[in-house]
Each structure stands twice: as C-alpha cells, then as structure tokens.
N, C-alpha and C. Protein backbone atom coordinates (compact mmCIF):
# COMPACT_ATOMS: atom_id res chain seq x y z
N UNK A 1 -71.57 -28.47 -76.94
CA UNK A 1 -72.44 -28.23 -76.52
C UNK A 1 -72.54 -28.37 -74.90
N UNK A 2 -72.85 -29.09 -74.36
CA UNK A 2 -73.40 -29.87 -73.43
C UNK A 2 -71.83 -29.12 -72.54
N UNK A 3 -70.79 -29.83 -73.22
CA UNK A 3 -69.46 -29.24 -71.70
C UNK A 3 -69.61 -27.61 -71.91
N UNK A 4 -70.16 -26.83 -72.62
CA UNK A 4 -70.79 -25.92 -72.59
C UNK A 4 -70.97 -24.93 -71.16
N UNK A 5 -72.20 -26.22 -71.35
CA UNK A 5 -73.40 -25.38 -69.91
C UNK A 5 -72.84 -26.54 -68.71
N UNK A 6 -72.58 -27.86 -68.80
CA UNK A 6 -71.59 -28.06 -67.82
C UNK A 6 -70.55 -27.19 -67.14
N UNK A 7 -69.73 -26.83 -67.94
CA UNK A 7 -68.92 -26.05 -67.23
C UNK A 7 -69.67 -24.46 -67.08
N UNK A 8 -70.76 -23.56 -67.42
CA UNK A 8 -71.13 -22.65 -66.93
C UNK A 8 -72.00 -23.42 -65.32
N UNK A 9 -72.40 -24.51 -66.11
CA UNK A 9 -73.20 -25.13 -64.50
C UNK A 9 -72.06 -24.55 -63.36
N UNK A 10 -71.22 -25.08 -63.79
CA UNK A 10 -70.04 -25.42 -62.38
C UNK A 10 -69.62 -24.43 -62.41
N UNK A 11 -69.24 -22.89 -63.02
CA UNK A 11 -68.93 -21.75 -62.38
C UNK A 11 -69.97 -21.40 -62.04
N UNK A 12 -71.48 -21.60 -62.30
CA UNK A 12 -72.17 -21.22 -61.55
C UNK A 12 -72.38 -21.45 -60.02
N UNK A 13 -72.13 -22.47 -59.97
CA UNK A 13 -71.84 -23.59 -58.69
C UNK A 13 -70.95 -23.08 -57.80
N UNK A 14 -69.33 -22.92 -58.49
CA UNK A 14 -68.49 -22.40 -57.88
C UNK A 14 -68.29 -20.85 -57.08
N UNK A 15 -69.21 -20.20 -57.96
CA UNK A 15 -69.62 -19.22 -57.76
C UNK A 15 -70.60 -18.83 -56.99
N UNK A 16 -71.90 -19.84 -56.97
CA UNK A 16 -72.80 -19.13 -55.97
C UNK A 16 -72.00 -19.60 -54.45
N UNK A 17 -70.98 -21.15 -54.42
CA UNK A 17 -70.26 -21.07 -53.21
C UNK A 17 -69.62 -20.09 -52.70
N UNK A 18 -68.98 -20.00 -53.63
CA UNK A 18 -68.22 -18.72 -52.97
C UNK A 18 -68.46 -17.34 -52.62
N UNK A 19 -69.89 -17.02 -53.26
CA UNK A 19 -70.64 -15.97 -52.46
C UNK A 19 -71.22 -16.28 -50.98
N UNK A 20 -71.51 -16.97 -51.21
CA UNK A 20 -72.02 -18.13 -49.56
C UNK A 20 -70.86 -17.25 -48.65
N UNK A 21 -69.63 -18.00 -49.01
CA UNK A 21 -68.16 -18.33 -48.24
C UNK A 21 -68.06 -16.80 -48.35
N UNK A 22 -68.19 -15.63 -49.13
CA UNK A 22 -67.78 -14.45 -48.80
C UNK A 22 -69.06 -13.79 -48.12
N UNK A 23 -70.00 -14.29 -47.68
CA UNK A 23 -71.35 -13.83 -46.78
C UNK A 23 -71.45 -14.39 -45.94
N UNK A 24 -70.49 -15.69 -45.33
CA UNK A 24 -70.31 -15.97 -44.47
C UNK A 24 -69.58 -15.69 -43.49
N UNK A 25 -68.72 -14.64 -44.17
CA UNK A 25 -67.55 -14.33 -43.91
C UNK A 25 -67.74 -12.54 -43.61
N UNK A 26 -68.70 -11.85 -44.27
CA UNK A 26 -68.51 -10.92 -43.93
C UNK A 26 -69.65 -10.54 -43.01
N UNK A 27 -70.22 -11.73 -42.63
CA UNK A 27 -71.41 -11.86 -41.44
C UNK A 27 -70.65 -12.22 -40.17
N UNK A 28 -69.61 -13.16 -39.87
CA UNK A 28 -69.19 -13.40 -38.84
C UNK A 28 -68.68 -12.89 -38.35
N UNK A 29 -67.78 -11.85 -39.35
CA UNK A 29 -66.87 -10.36 -39.11
C UNK A 29 -67.97 -9.44 -38.44
N UNK A 30 -69.03 -9.27 -39.36
CA UNK A 30 -69.45 -8.29 -38.19
C UNK A 30 -70.18 -8.70 -37.01
N UNK A 31 -70.43 -9.45 -36.91
CA UNK A 31 -70.91 -10.50 -35.49
C UNK A 31 -69.72 -9.88 -34.96
N UNK A 32 -68.64 -10.69 -34.96
CA UNK A 32 -67.42 -10.73 -34.62
C UNK A 32 -67.00 -8.85 -33.33
N UNK A 33 -67.00 -8.27 -34.47
CA UNK A 33 -66.97 -6.68 -34.54
C UNK A 33 -68.04 -6.42 -32.86
N UNK A 34 -69.58 -6.90 -33.15
CA UNK A 34 -70.40 -6.29 -32.48
C UNK A 34 -70.54 -6.96 -31.12
N UNK A 35 -70.25 -8.18 -31.27
CA UNK A 35 -69.59 -8.90 -29.49
C UNK A 35 -68.44 -8.32 -28.98
N UNK A 36 -67.37 -7.34 -29.88
CA UNK A 36 -66.59 -7.13 -28.85
C UNK A 36 -66.83 -5.90 -28.78
N UNK A 37 -67.50 -5.12 -29.62
CA UNK A 37 -68.15 -3.83 -28.73
C UNK A 37 -69.34 -4.39 -27.41
N UNK A 38 -69.93 -5.00 -27.49
CA UNK A 38 -70.79 -5.24 -26.45
C UNK A 38 -70.24 -5.88 -25.58
N UNK A 39 -68.93 -6.52 -25.78
CA UNK A 39 -68.09 -7.03 -24.63
C UNK A 39 -67.29 -5.75 -23.63
N UNK A 40 -67.21 -5.00 -24.63
CA UNK A 40 -66.03 -3.38 -24.23
C UNK A 40 -67.15 -2.90 -23.37
N UNK A 41 -68.28 -2.50 -23.60
CA UNK A 41 -69.48 -1.56 -22.97
C UNK A 41 -69.71 -2.82 -21.40
N UNK A 42 -69.76 -4.04 -21.25
CA UNK A 42 -69.64 -5.07 -20.71
C UNK A 42 -69.09 -5.02 -19.29
N UNK A 43 -67.63 -4.69 -20.06
CA UNK A 43 -66.87 -4.62 -19.29
C UNK A 43 -66.44 -3.61 -17.90
N UNK A 44 -67.01 -2.06 -18.85
CA UNK A 44 -66.97 -0.78 -18.56
C UNK A 44 -68.18 -0.96 -17.48
N UNK A 45 -69.07 -1.87 -17.71
CA UNK A 45 -70.05 -1.63 -16.23
C UNK A 45 -69.99 -2.42 -15.38
N UNK A 46 -68.99 -3.82 -15.31
CA UNK A 46 -68.31 -4.57 -14.53
C UNK A 46 -67.96 -3.80 -13.38
N UNK A 47 -66.70 -2.78 -14.06
CA UNK A 47 -65.66 -1.94 -13.72
C UNK A 47 -66.34 -0.93 -12.84
N UNK A 48 -67.30 -0.19 -13.78
CA UNK A 48 -68.35 0.57 -12.48
C UNK A 48 -68.96 -0.17 -11.47
N UNK A 49 -69.49 -1.23 -11.84
CA UNK A 49 -70.32 -1.85 -11.01
C UNK A 49 -69.57 -2.16 -9.41
N UNK A 50 -68.84 -2.71 -9.27
CA UNK A 50 -67.56 -3.29 -8.76
C UNK A 50 -67.16 -1.99 -7.92
N UNK A 51 -67.06 -1.16 -8.57
CA UNK A 51 -66.62 0.28 -7.91
C UNK A 51 -67.54 0.90 -6.91
N UNK A 52 -68.68 0.79 -8.14
CA UNK A 52 -69.98 1.38 -7.12
C UNK A 52 -69.97 0.26 -5.58
N UNK A 53 -70.16 -1.17 -6.14
CA UNK A 53 -70.24 -2.19 -4.81
C UNK A 53 -68.78 -1.70 -3.22
N UNK A 54 -67.70 -1.11 -3.98
CA UNK A 54 -66.48 -1.26 -3.27
C UNK A 54 -66.76 0.30 -2.80
N UNK A 55 -67.29 0.92 -3.06
CA UNK A 55 -68.00 2.33 -2.66
C UNK A 55 -69.16 2.29 -1.28
N UNK A 56 -70.17 1.64 -1.90
CA UNK A 56 -71.03 0.98 -0.83
C UNK A 56 -70.72 0.07 0.07
N UNK A 57 -69.67 -0.88 -0.08
CA UNK A 57 -68.67 -1.08 1.80
C UNK A 57 -68.68 0.01 2.21
N UNK A 58 -67.67 0.58 1.56
CA UNK A 58 -66.95 1.87 2.72
C UNK A 58 -67.91 2.67 3.19
N UNK A 59 -69.11 2.92 2.11
CA UNK A 59 -70.41 3.92 3.16
C UNK A 59 -71.17 3.01 4.06
N UNK A 60 -71.39 1.49 4.00
CA UNK A 60 -71.40 0.96 4.82
C UNK A 60 -71.39 0.94 5.96
N UNK A 61 -69.39 0.25 5.81
CA UNK A 61 -68.60 0.62 7.32
C UNK A 61 -68.69 2.59 7.81
N UNK A 62 -68.72 3.22 7.01
CA UNK A 62 -68.75 4.97 7.66
C UNK A 62 -70.23 4.56 8.46
N UNK A 63 -71.17 3.85 7.69
CA UNK A 63 -72.77 4.39 8.44
C UNK A 63 -73.00 3.58 9.92
N UNK A 64 -72.08 2.50 9.57
CA UNK A 64 -72.10 1.62 10.84
C UNK A 64 -71.03 2.67 12.25
N UNK A 65 -69.99 2.81 11.85
CA UNK A 65 -69.50 3.78 13.04
C UNK A 65 -70.26 4.62 12.76
N UNK A 66 -70.95 5.97 12.63
CA UNK A 66 -71.70 6.58 12.63
C UNK A 66 -72.59 6.13 13.17
N UNK A 67 -73.52 5.13 13.28
CA UNK A 67 -74.34 4.60 14.26
C UNK A 67 -74.09 4.07 15.19
N UNK A 68 -73.10 4.08 15.31
CA UNK A 68 -72.41 3.59 16.84
C UNK A 68 -72.02 4.43 17.77
N UNK A 69 -71.91 5.84 16.93
CA UNK A 69 -71.30 7.10 17.78
C UNK A 69 -72.82 7.50 18.00
N UNK A 70 -73.73 7.64 17.39
CA UNK A 70 -75.12 8.01 17.77
C UNK A 70 -75.68 7.23 19.14
N UNK A 71 -75.90 6.04 18.74
CA UNK A 71 -75.69 4.95 19.74
C UNK A 71 -75.29 5.19 20.66
N UNK A 72 -74.10 5.48 21.32
CA UNK A 72 -73.76 6.35 22.35
C UNK A 72 -73.99 7.42 22.72
N UNK A 73 -74.21 8.71 21.78
CA UNK A 73 -74.60 9.89 22.71
C UNK A 73 -76.43 9.72 22.57
N UNK A 74 -76.51 8.36 22.13
CA UNK A 74 -78.16 8.32 22.12
C UNK A 74 -78.21 7.94 23.94
N UNK A 75 -77.51 6.64 24.76
CA UNK A 75 -77.43 6.21 25.66
C UNK A 75 -76.60 7.19 26.81
N UNK A 76 -75.81 8.60 26.31
CA UNK A 76 -75.69 9.17 27.22
C UNK A 76 -76.60 9.93 27.75
N UNK A 77 -77.29 11.24 26.43
CA UNK A 77 -79.08 11.47 26.67
C UNK A 77 -79.91 10.50 27.39
N UNK A 78 -80.07 9.33 27.59
CA UNK A 78 -80.91 9.11 28.23
C UNK A 78 -80.46 8.83 29.66
N UNK A 79 -78.94 8.65 30.22
CA UNK A 79 -78.60 8.52 31.18
C UNK A 79 -78.53 9.79 31.59
N UNK A 80 -78.65 11.08 30.98
CA UNK A 80 -78.74 12.83 31.52
C UNK A 80 -80.32 12.89 31.56
N UNK A 81 -81.06 12.14 30.64
CA UNK A 81 -82.51 11.93 31.13
C UNK A 81 -83.08 12.04 32.47
N UNK A 82 -82.46 10.17 32.61
CA UNK A 82 -82.74 9.60 33.71
C UNK A 82 -82.27 10.19 34.98
N UNK A 83 -80.55 10.53 35.08
CA UNK A 83 -80.39 11.85 36.16
C UNK A 83 -81.29 13.27 36.12
N UNK A 84 -81.82 13.47 35.36
CA UNK A 84 -82.72 14.65 35.57
C UNK A 84 -84.35 14.36 36.25
N UNK A 85 -84.68 13.24 35.25
CA UNK A 85 -86.00 12.70 36.62
C UNK A 85 -85.67 12.54 37.70
N UNK A 86 -83.89 11.90 38.01
CA UNK A 86 -83.93 11.75 39.49
C UNK A 86 -84.13 12.67 40.46
N UNK A 87 -83.00 13.83 39.83
CA UNK A 87 -82.99 15.23 40.39
C UNK A 87 -84.36 15.57 40.90
N UNK A 88 -85.14 15.91 39.68
CA UNK A 88 -86.51 16.09 40.32
C UNK A 88 -87.72 15.44 40.80
N UNK A 89 -87.17 14.19 40.38
CA UNK A 89 -88.37 13.63 41.83
C UNK A 89 -87.68 14.40 43.03
N UNK A 90 -86.20 14.23 43.68
CA UNK A 90 -85.94 14.63 45.36
C UNK A 90 -86.63 15.96 45.08
N UNK A 91 -86.18 16.92 44.34
CA UNK A 91 -86.95 18.25 44.95
C UNK A 91 -88.41 18.28 45.42
N UNK A 92 -88.76 19.28 45.89
CA UNK A 92 -90.24 19.29 45.69
C UNK A 92 -90.48 20.82 46.07
N UNK A 93 -90.73 21.60 44.40
CA UNK A 93 -90.59 22.56 44.37
C UNK A 93 -91.70 23.55 44.82
N UNK A 94 -92.79 23.35 45.28
CA UNK A 94 -92.94 24.42 45.82
C UNK A 94 -93.49 24.47 47.46
N UNK A 95 -92.63 23.82 47.84
CA UNK A 95 -92.11 23.83 49.16
C UNK A 95 -90.84 24.50 49.32
N UNK A 96 -90.01 25.22 48.51
CA UNK A 96 -88.60 25.58 48.19
C UNK A 96 -89.48 26.90 48.06
N UNK A 97 -90.38 26.49 47.48
CA UNK A 97 -90.68 28.19 46.77
C UNK A 97 -91.75 28.57 48.12
N UNK A 98 -92.09 28.04 48.65
CA UNK A 98 -92.94 28.51 49.49
C UNK A 98 -92.43 29.36 51.05
N UNK A 99 -90.94 28.68 50.93
CA UNK A 99 -89.59 28.49 51.76
C UNK A 99 -88.80 29.83 51.73
N UNK A 100 -88.45 29.84 50.37
CA UNK A 100 -87.24 31.25 49.88
C UNK A 100 -87.57 30.95 48.32
N UNK A 101 -88.72 32.28 47.77
CA UNK A 101 -88.69 32.31 47.40
C UNK A 101 -88.24 32.95 45.57
N UNK A 102 -87.65 34.13 46.70
CA UNK A 102 -86.12 34.11 45.94
C UNK A 102 -85.22 33.92 45.45
N UNK A 103 -84.87 32.87 46.41
CA UNK A 103 -83.62 32.05 46.31
C UNK A 103 -84.05 31.18 44.71
N UNK A 104 -85.43 30.30 45.29
CA UNK A 104 -85.36 29.62 43.88
C UNK A 104 -85.69 30.27 42.46
N UNK A 105 -86.02 31.52 42.74
CA UNK A 105 -86.56 32.17 41.63
C UNK A 105 -84.74 32.56 41.09
N UNK A 106 -83.67 33.03 41.87
CA UNK A 106 -82.08 32.88 41.03
C UNK A 106 -81.99 31.25 40.74
N UNK A 107 -82.30 30.44 41.45
CA UNK A 107 -82.05 29.49 40.93
C UNK A 107 -82.67 29.18 39.50
N UNK A 108 -83.55 28.85 39.17
CA UNK A 108 -84.88 29.35 37.92
C UNK A 108 -84.14 29.51 37.07
N UNK A 109 -83.90 30.79 37.25
CA UNK A 109 -83.03 32.23 36.33
C UNK A 109 -81.74 31.22 34.89
N UNK A 110 -81.50 30.93 36.97
CA UNK A 110 -79.35 30.62 36.29
C UNK A 110 -79.71 29.31 35.39
N UNK A 111 -80.74 28.45 35.78
CA UNK A 111 -80.69 27.11 35.07
C UNK A 111 -81.63 27.36 33.53
N UNK A 112 -82.66 28.89 33.73
CA UNK A 112 -82.71 28.85 32.74
C UNK A 112 -81.19 29.98 31.52
N UNK A 113 -80.84 30.16 32.17
CA UNK A 113 -79.65 31.08 30.94
C UNK A 113 -79.01 30.07 30.71
N UNK A 114 -78.44 29.12 31.93
CA UNK A 114 -77.68 27.67 31.80
C UNK A 114 -78.20 26.94 29.98
N UNK A 115 -79.59 27.09 29.99
CA UNK A 115 -80.26 26.52 29.26
C UNK A 115 -80.19 26.84 27.81
N UNK A 116 -80.79 27.40 28.06
CA UNK A 116 -80.39 28.83 26.85
C UNK A 116 -78.59 29.17 26.27
N UNK A 117 -77.93 28.99 26.80
CA UNK A 117 -76.57 29.20 26.28
C UNK A 117 -76.22 27.95 25.61
N UNK A 118 -76.95 26.38 26.40
CA UNK A 118 -76.64 25.09 25.29
C UNK A 118 -77.43 25.22 24.23
N UNK A 119 -78.05 25.57 24.46
CA UNK A 119 -79.65 25.33 23.16
C UNK A 119 -78.63 26.73 21.45
N UNK A 120 -77.79 27.41 22.22
CA UNK A 120 -77.64 28.90 20.99
C UNK A 120 -76.22 27.63 20.90
N UNK A 121 -75.31 27.04 21.55
CA UNK A 121 -74.12 26.90 20.99
C UNK A 121 -74.31 25.45 20.31
N UNK A 122 -75.17 24.95 20.58
CA UNK A 122 -75.56 23.20 19.88
C UNK A 122 -76.38 24.00 18.03
N UNK A 123 -76.80 25.16 18.17
CA UNK A 123 -77.21 25.29 17.19
C UNK A 123 -76.20 26.22 15.96
N UNK A 124 -74.62 26.65 16.98
CA UNK A 124 -73.84 26.85 16.03
C UNK A 124 -73.34 28.77 16.42
N UNK A 125 -74.55 29.28 17.59
CA UNK A 125 -74.26 30.63 17.42
C UNK A 125 -72.97 30.68 18.73
N UNK A 126 -71.89 31.47 18.79
CA UNK A 126 -70.72 31.63 19.57
C UNK A 126 -71.60 32.26 21.15
N UNK A 127 -71.37 31.56 21.96
CA UNK A 127 -71.95 32.13 23.37
C UNK A 127 -70.31 32.45 24.27
N UNK A 128 -70.67 33.77 24.69
CA UNK A 128 -69.80 34.67 25.63
C UNK A 128 -70.27 33.94 27.13
N UNK A 129 -69.70 32.86 27.94
CA UNK A 129 -70.44 32.07 28.80
C UNK A 129 -69.91 33.23 29.79
N UNK A 130 -68.79 34.22 30.04
CA UNK A 130 -68.57 34.60 31.07
C UNK A 130 -69.63 36.16 31.24
N UNK A 131 -70.40 36.53 30.16
CA UNK A 131 -71.45 37.91 30.24
C UNK A 131 -72.71 37.59 30.44
N UNK A 132 -73.15 37.29 31.88
CA UNK A 132 -74.17 36.94 32.16
C UNK A 132 -74.85 38.49 32.32
N UNK A 133 -75.68 37.93 32.25
CA UNK A 133 -76.82 39.41 32.69
C UNK A 133 -77.10 40.11 34.34
N UNK A 134 -77.29 41.31 34.25
CA UNK A 134 -76.45 41.35 35.11
C UNK A 134 -77.81 41.18 36.51
N UNK A 135 -79.27 40.93 36.32
CA UNK A 135 -79.97 39.95 36.91
C UNK A 135 -79.71 39.38 37.50
N UNK A 136 -78.68 38.12 37.12
CA UNK A 136 -78.25 36.85 37.24
C UNK A 136 -76.95 36.82 37.62
N UNK A 137 -76.63 37.99 38.14
CA UNK A 137 -75.15 38.15 38.74
C UNK A 137 -75.48 38.08 40.08
N UNK A 138 -74.45 36.80 40.85
CA UNK A 138 -74.62 36.95 42.41
C UNK A 138 -73.47 37.22 42.51
N UNK A 139 -73.45 37.92 44.21
CA UNK A 139 -72.68 38.60 44.86
C UNK A 139 -71.20 37.60 45.44
N UNK A 140 -70.37 37.81 45.75
CA UNK A 140 -68.93 37.64 45.76
C UNK A 140 -69.48 36.52 47.44
N UNK A 141 -70.77 36.63 48.25
CA UNK A 141 -70.76 35.73 49.22
C UNK A 141 -71.33 34.83 48.71
N UNK A 142 -71.66 34.67 47.69
CA UNK A 142 -72.17 32.71 47.23
C UNK A 142 -73.79 32.85 47.71
N UNK A 143 -74.51 33.56 48.16
CA UNK A 143 -75.58 33.42 48.94
C UNK A 143 -76.78 33.32 47.50
N UNK A 144 -75.97 34.01 46.79
CA UNK A 144 -77.37 34.10 45.78
C UNK A 144 -78.14 35.96 45.98
N UNK A 145 -78.60 36.34 44.87
CA UNK A 145 -79.30 37.85 44.85
C UNK A 145 -80.73 37.19 45.03
N UNK A 146 -81.01 38.16 46.45
CA UNK A 146 -82.06 37.58 47.08
C UNK A 146 -83.08 39.00 46.81
N UNK A 147 -82.49 40.02 46.23
CA UNK A 147 -83.45 41.22 44.96
C UNK A 147 -83.62 40.97 43.78
N UNK A 148 -84.29 40.38 43.07
CA UNK A 148 -83.47 40.37 41.98
C UNK A 148 -83.93 41.68 41.26
N UNK A 149 -85.19 42.66 41.21
CA UNK A 149 -85.15 43.52 41.23
C UNK A 149 -84.49 44.43 41.07
N UNK A 150 -83.87 44.66 42.08
CA UNK A 150 -83.00 45.79 42.74
C UNK A 150 -81.49 45.78 41.88
N UNK A 151 -82.04 47.71 41.80
CA UNK A 151 -80.86 48.38 40.59
C UNK A 151 -80.69 47.53 39.84
N UNK A 152 -81.77 46.96 38.94
CA UNK A 152 -81.37 46.68 37.95
C UNK A 152 -81.70 47.12 36.52
N UNK A 153 -80.35 46.98 35.85
CA UNK A 153 -80.08 47.52 34.47
C UNK A 153 -80.06 46.97 33.20
N UNK A 154 -80.62 46.34 32.82
CA UNK A 154 -80.52 44.88 32.10
C UNK A 154 -81.90 44.55 32.36
N UNK A 155 -83.14 44.91 31.45
CA UNK A 155 -84.59 44.23 31.46
C UNK A 155 -84.30 42.90 30.41
N UNK A 156 -83.97 42.56 30.38
CA UNK A 156 -83.87 41.24 29.99
C UNK A 156 -85.36 39.62 30.20
N UNK A 157 -85.63 40.15 31.09
CA UNK A 157 -86.19 38.74 31.88
C UNK A 157 -87.48 39.56 31.55
N UNK A 158 -88.96 38.88 32.20
CA UNK A 158 -90.24 39.10 32.54
C UNK A 158 -90.39 38.51 34.23
N UNK A 159 -90.31 39.92 34.85
CA UNK A 159 -90.46 39.74 36.23
C UNK A 159 -92.02 39.43 36.90
N UNK A 160 -92.44 38.58 37.33
CA UNK A 160 -93.58 38.95 37.78
C UNK A 160 -94.03 39.66 38.93
N UNK A 161 -93.31 40.28 39.47
CA UNK A 161 -93.22 41.60 40.34
C UNK A 161 -93.12 43.22 39.34
N UNK A 162 -94.16 43.54 39.87
CA UNK A 162 -94.75 45.11 39.39
C UNK A 162 -94.15 46.11 40.12
N UNK A 163 -93.44 47.20 39.58
CA UNK A 163 -92.95 47.99 40.12
C UNK A 163 -94.09 49.18 40.31
N UNK A 164 -94.11 49.98 41.79
CA UNK A 164 -95.16 50.60 42.07
C UNK A 164 -94.81 52.13 41.95
N UNK A 165 -95.13 52.86 41.30
CA UNK A 165 -94.44 54.48 41.83
C UNK A 165 -95.84 55.51 42.79
N UNK A 166 -95.52 55.16 43.63
CA UNK A 166 -95.92 56.61 44.67
C UNK A 166 -96.03 57.63 43.77
N UNK A 167 -96.85 58.24 44.24
CA UNK A 167 -97.38 59.64 43.89
C UNK A 167 -98.04 60.69 45.32
N UNK A 168 -98.27 61.64 45.24
CA UNK A 168 -98.60 62.26 46.33
C UNK A 168 -99.82 62.87 46.18
C-alpha cells in the first residue's frame, strides 16, 4: 500500500509539474502574441511619424521659400514707400494748387484712378486699363484737361465746383 501512495504521490507531482509547464507555455504564447501585436502597432506608428517628419521637413522648406519671397516683396514695398515719401517731400501741393488748380486736379484724379485700378486688380477684379472715365481723358496735345467739368458725360466723380443755372 505504501507503494500505491508513493505512486499516487509521484503521479500527482508529475501532474502538477506538467500542469505548471502547460500553464507557463500558454501564458508565454499569449504574451508573445500580445507583444507581436504591440510591435506591429508600434511599427505602424513609427512609419506614420517618419512620414509626418518628412512632410514637416518639406513644409518647413516651403515655408522658408515663401518667407524669403515675402521678405523680398516687403523690401520692395518699403523701397516703394520710401520713394513715394521722397516724391511727396519734393512736392509742394499748396503752391502748385495756387498756381494752377486745374492741372493739379487732373493729376490727382489720374493718380486716384490708377490707385483704384491697382486695388481692384489686387483684389481679383478684372480691370480694363484702356477704359478711362471721360473726365479723366486728356486731349492729344498732352497738356491735360484744364476744364474738368466741360461737356462731362460721365458723372463718376464728385467735384468741388457746382453748376449754376441762370434764370431770367
């Protein structure tokens, strides 16, 4: 009988060791499956981050190029502003207005018209540069229209002069 108990005890120990080995094998396989899945997820995340880094580097290069172009345009605009300030400092509009106000009015109207054309072009509106209002048309001798209100057909401007109607 003692042999029977020893045999049962040995079989029990072998069973426990076998069950322990099976449990260890199963948990190890599950852990390997989870780690493989996590590795695949991390690999995909690394690829995505590398693509993002590549895209960001490309965007940084584009932004740098655009920034350089804008810097050049800014310098040109500042130079143009300096040029305009220099021209305005040389002009004495009060003296010129007192000398010949009609010529000054023509110059101012022409400059205003060009400015509005430029603004309309910059905002995407198509502008016909050859279509000037009649009040801005100059005679062919190049001296300018000295009588801005005479025979005006297009009333696109507001003038400081008022027409008086003579009554009997």
